[in-house]
Amino acid sequence: MRGGRGYAGLHDSQSREIKEMLMPSHAELAAKLLNDAATFFDNVAMQNPEIGQQMMENAEVYRQVAELVATDPLGEIAVDAPDA
């Protein structure tokens, strides 16, 4: 018999789709956490003008990394080696 039953009696393909919606990948979770942290930095910046610029810069970096993790989770960042 082809196409067994999975979660709650659904076909395997439907069961996988539901699981993917309910359980984010590690990269998706990391990207969400990074974006949430960026929002936190935005809020700190609005409430503390004296450190606002630094907090906005932090938020931007977190958003950039979230985008990298979400779009290319196994990607590498090229880093120039220091002159020896």
C-alpha atoms as a PDB file:
ATOM      1  CA  MET A   1       0.000   0.000   0.000  1.00  0.00           C
ATOM      2  CA  ARG A   2       1.410   3.335  -1.074  1.00  0.00           C
ATOM      3  CA  GLY A   3       1.116   6.592   0.902  1.00  0.00           C
ATOM      4  CA  GLY A   4       0.581   5.635   4.526  1.00  0.00           C
ATOM      5  CA  ARG A   5      -1.217   7.540   7.204  1.00  0.00           C
ATOM      6  CA  GLY A   6       0.649   9.986   9.390  1.00  0.00           C
ATOM      7  CA  TYR A   7      -0.334  12.624  11.927  1.00  0.00           C
ATOM      8  CA  ALA A   8      -4.034  12.435  12.888  1.00  0.00           C
ATOM      9  CA  GLY A   9      -4.832  10.033  10.047  1.00  0.00           C
ATOM     10  CA  LEU A  10      -3.570  12.373   7.315  1.00  0.00           C
ATOM     11  CA  HIS A  11      -1.547  11.164   4.361  1.00  0.00           C
ATOM     12  CA  ASP A  12       2.235  11.275   4.858  1.00  0.00           C
ATOM     13  CA  SER A  13       2.705  14.326   2.626  1.00  0.00           C
ATOM     14  CA  GLN A  14       0.030  16.254   4.517  1.00  0.00           C
ATOM     15  CA  SER A  15       1.539  15.158   7.818  1.00  0.00           C
ATOM     16  CA  ARG A  16       4.990  16.431   6.759  1.00  0.00           C
ATOM     17  CA  GLU A  17       3.522  19.786   5.720  1.00  0.00           C
ATOM     18  CA  ILE A  18       1.840  20.209   9.108  1.00  0.00           C
ATOM     19  CA  LYS A  19       5.036  19.252  10.933  1.00  0.00           C
ATOM     20  CA  GLU A  20       7.035  21.784   8.907  1.00  0.00           C
ATOM     21  CA  MET A  21       4.527  24.507   9.786  1.00  0.00           C
ATOM     22  CA  LEU A  22       4.609  23.631  13.479  1.00  0.00           C
ATOM     23  CA  MET A  23       8.321  22.927  13.872  1.00  0.00           C
ATOM     24  CA  PRO A  24      10.674  25.524  12.424  1.00  0.00           C
ATOM     25  CA  SER A  25      14.160  24.516  11.404  1.00  0.00           C
ATOM     26  CA  HIS A  26      17.079  25.597  13.569  1.00  0.00           C
ATOM     27  CA  ALA A  27      17.901  28.287  11.005  1.00  0.00           C
ATOM     28  CA  GLU A  28      14.332  29.606  10.989  1.00  0.00           C
ATOM     29  CA  LEU A  29      14.284  29.730  14.770  1.00  0.00           C
ATOM     30  CA  ALA A  30      17.677  31.455  14.861  1.00  0.00           C
ATOM     31  CA  ALA A  31      16.522  34.054  12.324  1.00  0.00           C
ATOM     32  CA  LYS A  32      13.380  34.734  14.358  1.00  0.00           C
ATOM     33  CA  LEU A  33      15.377  35.134  17.567  1.00  0.00           C
ATOM     34  CA  LEU A  34      17.815  37.491  15.848  1.00  0.00           C
ATOM     35  CA  ASN A  35      14.956  39.596  14.475  1.00  0.00           C
ATOM     36  CA  ASP A  36      13.321  39.658  17.907  1.00  0.00           C
ATOM     37  CA  ALA A  37      16.622  40.824  19.414  1.00  0.00           C
ATOM     38  CA  ALA A  38      16.822  43.568  16.773  1.00  0.00           C
ATOM     39  CA  THR A  39      13.357  44.741  17.808  1.00  0.00           C
ATOM     40  CA  PHE A  40      14.523  44.759  21.429  1.00  0.00           C
ATOM     41  CA  PHE A  41      17.487  46.980  20.475  1.00  0.00           C
ATOM     42  CA  ASP A  42      15.094  49.294  18.601  1.00  0.00           C
ATOM     43  CA  ASN A  43      12.960  49.619  21.726  1.00  0.00           C
ATOM     44  CA  VAL A  44      15.989  50.288  23.933  1.00  0.00           C
ATOM     45  CA  ALA A  45      17.131  52.959  21.456  1.00  0.00           C
ATOM     46  CA  MET A  46      13.758  54.728  21.585  1.00  0.00           C
ATOM     47  CA  GLN A  47      13.713  54.725  25.377  1.00  0.00           C
ATOM     48  CA  ASN A  48      17.371  55.710  25.873  1.00  0.00           C
ATOM     49  CA  PRO A  49      18.464  58.453  23.466  1.00  0.00           C
ATOM     50  CA  GLU A  50      21.946  58.614  24.977  1.00  0.00           C
ATOM     51  CA  ILE A  51      22.702  55.090  23.697  1.00  0.00           C
ATOM     52  CA  GLY A  52      20.213  55.149  20.829  1.00  0.00           C
ATOM     53  CA  GLN A  53      22.756  55.276  18.009  1.00  0.00           C
ATOM     54  CA  GLN A  54      24.642  52.227  19.293  1.00  0.00           C
ATOM     55  CA  MET A  55      21.416  50.301  19.834  1.00  0.00           C
ATOM     56  CA  MET A  56      20.225  51.091  16.303  1.00  0.00           C
ATOM     57  CA  GLU A  57      23.550  49.860  14.920  1.00  0.00           C
ATOM     58  CA  ASN A  58      23.184  46.666  16.962  1.00  0.00           C
ATOM     59  CA  ALA A  59      19.657  46.193  15.625  1.00  0.00           C
ATOM     60  CA  GLU A  60      20.851  46.559  12.035  1.00  0.00           C
ATOM     61  CA  VAL A  61      23.628  43.987  12.497  1.00  0.00           C
ATOM     62  CA  TYR A  62      21.192  41.514  14.046  1.00  0.00           C
ATOM     63  CA  ARG A  63      18.791  42.000  11.133  1.00  0.00           C
ATOM     64  CA  GLN A  64      21.585  41.453   8.608  1.00  0.00           C
ATOM     65  CA  VAL A  65      22.665  38.232  10.319  1.00  0.00           C
ATOM     66  CA  ALA A  66      19.028  37.080  10.553  1.00  0.00           C
ATOM     67  CA  GLU A  67      18.710  37.562   6.795  1.00  0.00           C
ATOM     68  CA  LEU A  68      21.918  35.602   6.163  1.00  0.00           C
ATOM     69  CA  VAL A  69      20.815  32.740   8.399  1.00  0.00           C
ATOM     70  CA  ALA A  70      17.354  32.636   6.818  1.00  0.00           C
ATOM     71  CA  THR A  71      18.498  32.760   3.206  1.00  0.00           C
ATOM     72  CA  ASP A  72      21.789  30.824   3.376  1.00  0.00           C
ATOM     73  CA  PRO A  73      22.049  28.917   6.673  1.00  0.00           C
ATOM     74  CA  LEU A  74      25.229  27.099   5.669  1.00  0.00           C
ATOM     75  CA  GLY A  75      26.906  30.084   4.046  1.00  0.00           C
ATOM     76  CA  GLU A  76      30.288  31.388   5.104  1.00  0.00           C
ATOM     77  CA  ILE A  77      31.484  34.927   5.542  1.00  0.00           C
ATOM     78  CA  ALA A  78      34.784  35.693   3.868  1.00  0.00           C
ATOM     79  CA  VAL A  79      37.202  37.187   6.349  1.00  0.00           C
ATOM     80  CA  ASP A  80      40.440  38.690   5.199  1.00  0.00           C
ATOM     81  CA  ALA A  81      43.434  37.186   7.015  1.00  0.00           C
ATOM     82  CA  PRO A  82      45.556  39.725   8.853  1.00  0.00           C
ATOM     83  CA  ASP A  83      48.838  40.614   7.250  1.00  0.00           C
ATOM     84  CA  ALA A  84      51.600  38.453   8.645  1.00  0.00           C
END
